[in-house]
Amino acid sequence: MDTPFSTLIRTASHEQHTEAETTTFMSDLLGGALGVDAYARYTEQLWFVYRALEGTAGRLEGSAVAGPFIQPELFRVSAIERDLAHLRGDGWRDHVSALPATQAYASRVAECAREWPGGYVAHHYTRYLGDLSGGQIIRDKAEKNWGFARKGDGVRFYVFEQVPNPAAFKRSYRALLDVVRVDELEKQRIVAECKRAFALNTAVFKALGEEFSNAA
């Protein structure tokens, strides 16, 4: 029996996924070695990436490949903006900035959204399923490390109010991957883009690590 595509994409990108999760910055952040400013700076970077991911989602709704994955209950931009208002104050938009690594990441997401639905699916998968899984560990640590209210302002990015059963949602998402309307060659291209997505994310973590190297 052929390996389900959801299994293939997960196992093929496992190494890159692990590298992203175990960067020095993320280890220090979750371990409490960095202050809330580092967490806020990371949240800023997420804003740029998710604006690229969601800002063009509407034009992909009719895509046979990407359309089934455009599910508004996943959208994160408004939640990130609420978190940033809590973390940085009402004038946060005047002060946020994207690291060069973040600019590269967001640009690649936007390029895929414009030109390659399969590539967009790769970025969609790496972001949202990560948010629903490992992202919950970040939320828990943030609440404990910096005293945010449980699932409140500061961690709303990680709270999917319209996804009452994350486990069931992830199963349905993987089922969509398994029937994605592409041929085998395109599946391999999507897997390669998934690896690239993790590498781009890792580059952001490393850049943040350099910025906060003296804070830990």
C-alpha atoms as a PDB file:
ATOM      1  CA  MET A   1       0.000   0.000   0.000  1.00  0.00           C
ATOM      2  CA  ASP A   2       1.242   3.457  -0.856  1.00  0.00           C
ATOM      3  CA  THR A   3       2.256   5.651   2.064  1.00  0.00           C
ATOM      4  CA  PRO A   4      -0.404   8.313   2.763  1.00  0.00           C
ATOM      5  CA  PHE A   5       0.823  11.742   1.721  1.00  0.00           C
ATOM      6  CA  SER A   6       0.238  13.140   5.211  1.00  0.00           C
ATOM      7  CA  THR A   7       2.599  10.516   6.585  1.00  0.00           C
ATOM      8  CA  LEU A   8       5.141  11.106   3.850  1.00  0.00           C
ATOM      9  CA  ILE A   9       5.237  14.861   4.368  1.00  0.00           C
ATOM     10  CA  ARG A  10       5.581  14.470   8.143  1.00  0.00           C
ATOM     11  CA  THR A  11       8.365  11.879   8.071  1.00  0.00           C
ATOM     12  CA  ALA A  12      10.284  13.501   5.204  1.00  0.00           C
ATOM     13  CA  SER A  13      10.476  16.826   7.030  1.00  0.00           C
ATOM     14  CA  HIS A  14      11.119  15.416  10.505  1.00  0.00           C
ATOM     15  CA  GLU A  15      14.798  16.397  10.577  1.00  0.00           C
ATOM     16  CA  GLN A  16      14.095  19.993   9.582  1.00  0.00           C
ATOM     17  CA  HIS A  17      11.199  20.163  12.038  1.00  0.00           C
ATOM     18  CA  THR A  18      13.412  18.983  14.891  1.00  0.00           C
ATOM     19  CA  GLU A  19      16.118  21.488  13.991  1.00  0.00           C
ATOM     20  CA  ALA A  20      13.601  24.337  14.148  1.00  0.00           C
ATOM     21  CA  GLU A  21      12.257  23.236  17.516  1.00  0.00           C
ATOM     22  CA  THR A  22      15.672  22.846  19.126  1.00  0.00           C
ATOM     23  CA  THR A  23      17.343  26.117  18.144  1.00  0.00           C
ATOM     24  CA  THR A  24      19.100  27.933  20.968  1.00  0.00           C
ATOM     25  CA  PHE A  25      16.605  30.787  20.844  1.00  0.00           C
ATOM     26  CA  MET A  26      13.566  28.555  21.218  1.00  0.00           C
ATOM     27  CA  SER A  27      15.224  26.482  23.947  1.00  0.00           C
ATOM     28  CA  ASP A  28      16.148  29.642  25.883  1.00  0.00           C
ATOM     29  CA  LEU A  29      12.712  31.168  25.344  1.00  0.00           C
ATOM     30  CA  LEU A  30      10.796  28.130  26.554  1.00  0.00           C
ATOM     31  CA  GLY A  31      13.277  27.494  29.327  1.00  0.00           C
ATOM     32  CA  GLY A  32      12.680  30.920  30.814  1.00  0.00           C
ATOM     33  CA  ALA A  33      16.181  32.213  30.113  1.00  0.00           C
ATOM     34  CA  LEU A  34      14.844  35.064  27.998  1.00  0.00           C
ATOM     35  CA  GLY A  35      12.481  37.820  29.027  1.00  0.00           C
ATOM     36  CA  VAL A  36       9.110  38.777  27.687  1.00  0.00           C
ATOM     37  CA  ASP A  37      10.730  41.204  25.224  1.00  0.00           C
ATOM     38  CA  ALA A  38      12.174  38.237  23.312  1.00  0.00           C
ATOM     39  CA  TYR A  39       8.743  36.644  23.219  1.00  0.00           C
ATOM     40  CA  ALA A  40       7.239  39.909  21.949  1.00  0.00           C
ATOM     41  CA  ARG A  41       9.927  40.210  19.281  1.00  0.00           C
ATOM     42  CA  TYR A  42       9.172  36.676  18.125  1.00  0.00           C
ATOM     43  CA  THR A  43       5.468  37.517  17.990  1.00  0.00           C
ATOM     44  CA  GLU A  44       6.293  40.490  15.766  1.00  0.00           C
ATOM     45  CA  GLN A  45       7.970  38.164  13.291  1.00  0.00           C
ATOM     46  CA  LEU A  46       4.916  35.921  13.238  1.00  0.00           C
ATOM     47  CA  TRP A  47       2.796  38.911  12.224  1.00  0.00           C
ATOM     48  CA  PHE A  48       4.777  39.399   9.033  1.00  0.00           C
ATOM     49  CA  VAL A  49       4.667  35.711   8.111  1.00  0.00           C
ATOM     50  CA  TYR A  50       0.952  35.300   8.747  1.00  0.00           C
ATOM     51  CA  ARG A  51       0.048  38.442   6.860  1.00  0.00           C
ATOM     52  CA  ALA A  52       1.759  36.853   3.858  1.00  0.00           C
ATOM     53  CA  LEU A  53       0.009  33.543   4.481  1.00  0.00           C
ATOM     54  CA  GLU A  54      -3.485  34.933   4.993  1.00  0.00           C
ATOM     55  CA  GLY A  55      -3.443  38.146   3.002  1.00  0.00           C
ATOM     56  CA  THR A  56      -3.786  36.300  -0.301  1.00  0.00           C
ATOM     57  CA  ALA A  57      -5.815  33.330   0.929  1.00  0.00           C
ATOM     58  CA  GLY A  58      -8.992  34.633  -0.686  1.00  0.00           C
ATOM     59  CA  ARG A  59      -7.630  34.305  -4.186  1.00  0.00           C
ATOM     60  CA  LEU A  60      -6.788  30.641  -3.542  1.00  0.00           C
ATOM     61  CA  GLU A  61     -10.260  29.586  -2.429  1.00  0.00           C
ATOM     62  CA  GLY A  62     -11.078  28.479  -5.965  1.00  0.00           C
ATOM     63  CA  SER A  63      -7.880  26.477  -6.380  1.00  0.00           C
ATOM     64  CA  ALA A  64      -8.407  22.738  -6.723  1.00  0.00           C
ATOM     65  CA  VAL A  65      -5.149  22.193  -4.830  1.00  0.00           C
ATOM     66  CA  ALA A  66      -5.061  24.887  -2.155  1.00  0.00           C
ATOM     67  CA  GLY A  67      -8.751  25.753  -1.896  1.00  0.00           C
ATOM     68  CA  PRO A  68      -9.746  22.940   0.509  1.00  0.00           C
ATOM     69  CA  PHE A  69      -7.133  24.168   2.993  1.00  0.00           C
ATOM     70  CA  ILE A  70      -8.410  27.758   3.163  1.00  0.00           C
ATOM     71  CA  GLN A  71     -10.334  27.530   6.414  1.00  0.00           C
ATOM     72  CA  PRO A  72     -11.029  30.864   8.157  1.00  0.00           C
ATOM     73  CA  GLU A  73     -11.188  29.237  11.597  1.00  0.00           C
ATOM     74  CA  LEU A  74      -7.414  28.902  11.349  1.00  0.00           C
ATOM     75  CA  PHE A  75      -6.645  32.540  10.560  1.00  0.00           C
ATOM     76  CA  ARG A  76      -4.238  34.090  13.048  1.00  0.00           C
ATOM     77  CA  VAL A  77      -3.529  37.688  12.033  1.00  0.00           C
ATOM     78  CA  SER A  78      -6.202  39.317  14.198  1.00  0.00           C
ATOM     79  CA  ALA A  79      -5.104  37.228  17.197  1.00  0.00           C
ATOM     80  CA  ILE A  80      -1.468  38.222  16.668  1.00  0.00           C
ATOM     81  CA  GLU A  81      -2.468  41.884  16.459  1.00  0.00           C
ATOM     82  CA  ARG A  82      -4.345  41.605  19.733  1.00  0.00           C
ATOM     83  CA  ASP A  83      -1.300  39.989  21.336  1.00  0.00           C
ATOM     84  CA  LEU A  84       0.993  42.716  20.019  1.00  0.00           C
ATOM     85  CA  ALA A  85      -1.285  45.443  21.367  1.00  0.00           C
ATOM     86  CA  HIS A  86      -1.004  43.757  24.755  1.00  0.00           C
ATOM     87  CA  LEU A  87       2.754  43.224  24.498  1.00  0.00           C
ATOM     88  CA  ARG A  88       3.821  46.473  22.834  1.00  0.00           C
ATOM     89  CA  GLY A  89       0.983  48.915  23.471  1.00  0.00           C
ATOM     90  CA  ASP A  90      -1.572  50.519  21.176  1.00  0.00           C
ATOM     91  CA  GLY A  91       1.072  52.112  18.961  1.00  0.00           C
ATOM     92  CA  TRP A  92       2.830  48.843  18.202  1.00  0.00           C
ATOM     93  CA  ARG A  93       2.425  49.176  14.424  1.00  0.00           C
ATOM     94  CA  ASP A  94       4.784  52.160  14.445  1.00  0.00           C
ATOM     95  CA  HIS A  95       7.594  50.157  15.960  1.00  0.00           C
ATOM     96  CA  VAL A  96       7.490  46.561  14.683  1.00  0.00           C
ATOM     97  CA  SER A  97      10.117  45.491  12.191  1.00  0.00           C
ATOM     98  CA  ALA A  98      10.852  42.329  10.275  1.00  0.00           C
ATOM     99  CA  LEU A  99      14.254  40.726  10.527  1.00  0.00           C
ATOM    100  CA  PRO A 100      15.899  40.013   7.145  1.00  0.00           C
ATOM    101  CA  ALA A 101      15.262  36.299   7.737  1.00  0.00           C
ATOM    102  CA  THR A 102      11.600  37.066   8.361  1.00  0.00           C
ATOM    103  CA  GLN A 103      11.406  39.148   5.201  1.00  0.00           C
ATOM    104  CA  ALA A 104      12.805  36.207   3.230  1.00  0.00           C
ATOM    105  CA  TYR A 105      10.315  33.826   4.833  1.00  0.00           C
ATOM    106  CA  ALA A 106       7.302  36.064   4.249  1.00  0.00           C
ATOM    107  CA  SER A 107       8.403  36.768   0.680  1.00  0.00           C
ATOM    108  CA  ARG A 108       8.594  33.064  -0.109  1.00  0.00           C
ATOM    109  CA  VAL A 109       5.141  32.451   1.366  1.00  0.00           C
ATOM    110  CA  ALA A 110       3.710  35.323  -0.676  1.00  0.00           C
ATOM    111  CA  GLU A 111       5.429  34.048  -3.826  1.00  0.00           C
ATOM    112  CA  CYS A 112       3.891  30.602  -3.400  1.00  0.00           C
ATOM    113  CA  ALA A 113       0.477  32.155  -2.723  1.00  0.00           C
ATOM    114  CA  ARG A 114       0.724  34.053  -6.018  1.00  0.00           C
ATOM    115  CA  GLU A 115       2.299  31.442  -8.237  1.00  0.00           C
ATOM    116  CA  TRP A 116       2.186  27.917  -6.817  1.00  0.00           C
ATOM    117  CA  PRO A 117      -0.785  26.484  -4.894  1.00  0.00           C
ATOM    118  CA  GLY A 118       1.145  23.338  -3.984  1.00  0.00           C
ATOM    119  CA  GLY A 119       3.885  25.383  -2.389  1.00  0.00           C
ATOM    120  CA  TYR A 120       1.292  27.374  -0.502  1.00  0.00           C
ATOM    121  CA  VAL A 121      -0.100  24.128   0.918  1.00  0.00           C
ATOM    122  CA  ALA A 122       3.388  23.249   2.179  1.00  0.00           C
ATOM    123  CA  HIS A 123       3.636  26.521   4.105  1.00  0.00           C
ATOM    124  CA  HIS A 124       0.045  26.263   5.296  1.00  0.00           C
ATOM    125  CA  TYR A 125       0.725  22.792   6.683  1.00  0.00           C
ATOM    126  CA  THR A 126       3.964  23.664   8.458  1.00  0.00           C
ATOM    127  CA  ARG A 127       2.444  26.721  10.131  1.00  0.00           C
ATOM    128  CA  TYR A 128      -1.050  25.764  11.191  1.00  0.00           C
ATOM    129  CA  LEU A 129      -0.507  22.162  12.201  1.00  0.00           C
ATOM    130  CA  GLY A 130       2.516  23.341  14.144  1.00  0.00           C
ATOM    131  CA  ASP A 131       0.389  25.972  15.883  1.00  0.00           C
ATOM    132  CA  LEU A 132      -2.184  23.369  16.846  1.00  0.00           C
ATOM    133  CA  SER A 133       0.499  21.004  18.138  1.00  0.00           C
ATOM    134  CA  GLY A 134       3.810  22.345  19.442  1.00  0.00           C
ATOM    135  CA  GLY A 135       2.375  25.832  19.584  1.00  0.00           C
ATOM    136  CA  GLN A 136       0.357  24.777  22.585  1.00  0.00           C
ATOM    137  CA  ILE A 137       3.572  24.056  24.470  1.00  0.00           C
ATOM    138  CA  ILE A 138       4.735  27.606  23.731  1.00  0.00           C
ATOM    139  CA  ARG A 139       1.430  28.981  25.024  1.00  0.00           C
ATOM    140  CA  ASP A 140       1.712  27.001  28.248  1.00  0.00           C
ATOM    141  CA  LYS A 141       5.301  28.122  28.823  1.00  0.00           C
ATOM    142  CA  ALA A 142       4.464  31.745  28.046  1.00  0.00           C
ATOM    143  CA  GLU A 143       1.605  31.736  30.521  1.00  0.00           C
ATOM    144  CA  LYS A 144       3.857  30.325  33.219  1.00  0.00           C
ATOM    145  CA  ASN A 145       6.985  32.350  32.428  1.00  0.00           C
ATOM    146  CA  TRP A 146       5.398  35.776  32.019  1.00  0.00           C
ATOM    147  CA  GLY A 147       2.091  35.533  33.826  1.00  0.00           C
ATOM    148  CA  PHE A 148      -0.306  35.836  30.904  1.00  0.00           C
ATOM    149  CA  ALA A 149      -3.887  34.898  31.641  1.00  0.00           C
ATOM    150  CA  ARG A 150      -4.677  31.388  30.477  1.00  0.00           C
ATOM    151  CA  LYS A 151      -5.578  31.649  26.785  1.00  0.00           C
ATOM    152  CA  GLY A 152      -5.765  35.422  27.210  1.00  0.00           C
ATOM    153  CA  ASP A 153      -4.098  38.503  25.752  1.00  0.00           C
ATOM    154  CA  GLY A 154      -0.473  37.785  24.975  1.00  0.00           C
ATOM    155  CA  VAL A 155      -1.064  34.191  23.900  1.00  0.00           C
ATOM    156  CA  ARG A 156      -4.184  34.481  21.763  1.00  0.00           C
ATOM    157  CA  PHE A 157      -2.179  33.512  18.698  1.00  0.00           C
ATOM    158  CA  TYR A 158      -2.117  29.969  20.065  1.00  0.00           C
ATOM    159  CA  VAL A 159      -5.822  29.861  20.955  1.00  0.00           C
ATOM    160  CA  PHE A 160      -8.059  28.473  18.213  1.00  0.00           C
ATOM    161  CA  GLU A 161     -11.477  29.386  19.530  1.00  0.00           C
ATOM    162  CA  GLN A 162     -13.192  28.087  16.408  1.00  0.00           C
ATOM    163  CA  VAL A 163     -11.445  24.713  16.560  1.00  0.00           C
ATOM    164  CA  PRO A 164     -13.110  23.028  19.553  1.00  0.00           C
ATOM    165  CA  ASN A 165     -11.460  19.663  18.961  1.00  0.00           C
ATOM    166  CA  PRO A 166      -7.867  20.148  17.720  1.00  0.00           C
ATOM    167  CA  ALA A 167      -7.170  16.408  17.513  1.00  0.00           C
ATOM    168  CA  ALA A 168     -10.181  15.823  15.266  1.00  0.00           C
ATOM    169  CA  PHE A 169      -9.311  18.887  13.209  1.00  0.00           C
ATOM    170  CA  LYS A 170      -5.768  17.645  12.628  1.00  0.00           C
ATOM    171  CA  ARG A 171      -7.121  14.275  11.516  1.00  0.00           C
ATOM    172  CA  SER A 172      -9.414  15.968   8.999  1.00  0.00           C
ATOM    173  CA  TYR A 173      -6.550  18.162   7.827  1.00  0.00           C
ATOM    174  CA  ARG A 174      -4.344  15.133   7.222  1.00  0.00           C
ATOM    175  CA  ALA A 175      -7.203  13.514   5.340  1.00  0.00           C
ATOM    176  CA  LEU A 176      -7.233  16.547   3.035  1.00  0.00           C
ATOM    177  CA  LEU A 177      -3.504  16.112   2.457  1.00  0.00           C
ATOM    178  CA  ASP A 178      -4.031  12.462   1.572  1.00  0.00           C
ATOM    179  CA  VAL A 179      -6.412  13.366  -1.255  1.00  0.00           C
ATOM    180  CA  VAL A 180      -4.677  16.529  -2.452  1.00  0.00           C
ATOM    181  CA  ARG A 181      -5.197  16.808  -6.198  1.00  0.00           C
ATOM    182  CA  VAL A 182      -1.635  16.598  -7.474  1.00  0.00           C
ATOM    183  CA  ASP A 183       0.509  13.932  -9.103  1.00  0.00           C
ATOM    184  CA  GLU A 184       3.456  12.147  -7.512  1.00  0.00           C
ATOM    185  CA  LEU A 185       6.041  14.567  -8.869  1.00  0.00           C
ATOM    186  CA  GLU A 186       4.135  17.517  -7.447  1.00  0.00           C
ATOM    187  CA  LYS A 187       3.905  15.743  -4.100  1.00  0.00           C
ATOM    188  CA  GLN A 188       7.684  15.532  -4.033  1.00  0.00           C
ATOM    189  CA  ARG A 189       7.896  19.237  -4.807  1.00  0.00           C
ATOM    190  CA  ILE A 190       5.500  19.975  -1.946  1.00  0.00           C
ATOM    191  CA  VAL A 191       7.611  17.884   0.419  1.00  0.00           C
ATOM    192  CA  ALA A 192      10.707  19.814  -0.666  1.00  0.00           C
ATOM    193  CA  GLU A 193       8.905  23.109  -0.037  1.00  0.00           C
ATOM    194  CA  CYS A 194       7.842  21.865   3.376  1.00  0.00           C
ATOM    195  CA  LYS A 195      11.500  21.293   4.211  1.00  0.00           C
ATOM    196  CA  ARG A 196      12.271  24.764   2.908  1.00  0.00           C
ATOM    197  CA  ALA A 197       9.536  26.228   5.111  1.00  0.00           C
ATOM    198  CA  PHE A 198      11.095  24.711   8.206  1.00  0.00           C
ATOM    199  CA  ALA A 199      14.514  25.977   7.117  1.00  0.00           C
ATOM    200  CA  LEU A 200      13.136  29.501   6.690  1.00  0.00           C
ATOM    201  CA  ASN A 201      11.554  29.294  10.122  1.00  0.00           C
ATOM    202  CA  THR A 202      14.822  28.055  11.608  1.00  0.00           C
ATOM    203  CA  ALA A 203      16.634  31.019  10.046  1.00  0.00           C
ATOM    204  CA  VAL A 204      14.246  33.364  11.864  1.00  0.00           C
ATOM    205  CA  PHE A 205      14.948  31.604  15.167  1.00  0.00           C
ATOM    206  CA  LYS A 206      18.693  31.859  14.588  1.00  0.00           C
ATOM    207  CA  ALA A 207      18.405  35.565  13.791  1.00  0.00           C
ATOM    208  CA  LEU A 208      16.388  36.097  16.963  1.00  0.00           C
ATOM    209  CA  GLY A 209      19.015  34.098  18.832  1.00  0.00           C
ATOM    210  CA  GLU A 210      21.726  36.456  17.611  1.00  0.00           C
ATOM    211  CA  GLU A 211      19.652  39.482  18.577  1.00  0.00           C
ATOM    212  CA  PHE A 212      19.140  38.178  22.114  1.00  0.00           C
ATOM    213  CA  SER A 213      22.462  36.350  22.496  1.00  0.00           C
ATOM    214  CA  ASN A 214      23.500  38.418  25.504  1.00  0.00           C
ATOM    215  CA  ALA A 215      20.156  38.230  27.265  1.00  0.00           C
ATOM    216  CA  ALA A 216      20.118  34.548  28.214  1.00  0.00           C
END
